[in-house]
């Protein structure tokens, strides 16, 4: 016996909405500065456009082990810095 499946409407369609109004950005090209490894945004005249400041972050993680001579109990610590 062959059973025919009824197509179902994808669940994500109910979540779709129009895109918000967009704004034209003031730059036309982006290159990477070889010394700083940062993006350099330039307008159509080739002048550098300031795109605002963005923070940087770094983090470390260390693992810890206790009672290594029998059933070890392990964990870890994390920390981070952001400017």
Protein backbone atom coordinates (compact mmCIF):
# COMPACT_ATOMS: atom_id res chain seq x y z
CA UNK A 1 0.00 0.00 0.00
CA UNK A 2 1.39 3.43 -0.96
CA UNK A 3 0.55 6.34 1.32
CA UNK A 4 0.74 9.83 -0.10
CA UNK A 5 2.10 12.52 2.23
CA UNK A 6 0.45 15.90 2.49
CA UNK A 7 2.95 18.77 2.12
CA UNK A 8 3.31 20.78 5.34
CA UNK A 9 3.98 24.50 5.55
CA UNK A 10 7.53 25.09 6.92
CA UNK A 11 7.39 26.36 10.52
CA UNK A 12 9.83 29.22 9.80
CA UNK A 13 7.48 30.98 7.39
CA UNK A 14 5.40 32.27 10.30
CA UNK A 15 8.53 33.92 11.72
CA UNK A 16 9.43 35.92 8.61
CA UNK A 17 9.10 39.68 8.64
CA UNK A 18 10.15 42.46 6.27
CA UNK A 19 13.68 43.80 6.63
CA UNK A 20 13.93 47.08 8.55
CA UNK A 21 14.72 50.24 6.63
CA UNK A 22 18.36 50.21 5.61
CA UNK A 23 20.88 53.03 5.64
CA UNK A 24 23.61 53.51 3.07
CA UNK A 25 26.99 53.18 4.73
CA UNK A 26 29.55 55.95 4.19
CA UNK A 27 32.31 53.75 2.82
CA UNK A 28 32.95 52.00 -0.46
CA UNK A 29 36.04 49.85 0.19
CA UNK A 30 37.67 48.07 3.09
CA UNK A 31 41.33 47.03 3.14
CA UNK A 32 43.56 45.54 5.82
CA UNK A 33 46.37 47.70 7.22
CA UNK A 34 49.45 45.40 7.08
CA UNK A 35 50.97 46.91 10.25
CA UNK A 36 47.93 46.82 12.55
CA UNK A 37 45.91 44.06 10.83
CA UNK A 38 42.82 46.28 11.19
CA UNK A 39 40.26 47.14 8.55
CA UNK A 40 40.60 50.55 6.90
CA UNK A 41 37.33 51.91 5.52
CA UNK A 42 37.54 54.42 2.65
CA UNK A 43 34.88 56.55 0.98
CA UNK A 44 34.46 56.93 -2.79
CA UNK A 45 37.15 59.65 -2.81
CA UNK A 46 39.68 57.35 -1.13
CA UNK A 47 39.56 59.19 2.21
CA UNK A 48 39.57 57.14 5.43
CA UNK A 49 36.17 56.95 7.14
CA UNK A 50 36.14 56.58 10.96
CA UNK A 51 33.85 53.66 11.79
CA UNK A 52 33.86 54.11 15.58
CA UNK A 53 35.74 52.32 18.30
CA UNK A 54 35.38 48.61 18.95
CA UNK A 55 36.67 46.85 22.04
CA UNK A 56 38.95 43.88 22.13
CA UNK A 57 38.85 40.97 24.49
CA UNK A 58 41.06 38.09 25.56
CA UNK A 59 40.53 35.13 27.82
CA UNK A 60 42.36 32.29 29.51
CA UNK A 61 41.24 28.92 30.77
CA UNK A 62 43.12 26.63 33.14
CA UNK A 63 42.18 23.09 34.05
CA UNK A 64 42.48 21.78 37.59
CA UNK A 65 42.74 18.23 38.85
CA UNK A 66 42.53 17.05 42.45
CA UNK A 67 43.19 13.66 43.98
CA UNK A 68 45.14 12.29 41.01
CA UNK A 69 46.14 9.07 42.82
CA UNK A 70 42.58 7.65 42.83
CA UNK A 71 39.36 8.84 41.20
CA UNK A 72 40.36 12.28 39.91
CA UNK A 73 38.03 15.23 40.21
CA UNK A 74 38.64 17.82 37.54
CA UNK A 75 37.37 21.29 36.76
CA UNK A 76 38.47 24.48 35.14
CA UNK A 77 38.67 28.22 35.72
CA UNK A 78 37.99 30.95 33.17
CA UNK A 79 38.67 34.65 33.10
CA UNK A 80 38.38 37.35 30.48
CA UNK A 81 39.36 40.95 29.93
CA UNK A 82 37.65 43.47 27.69
CA UNK A 83 38.41 47.08 26.88
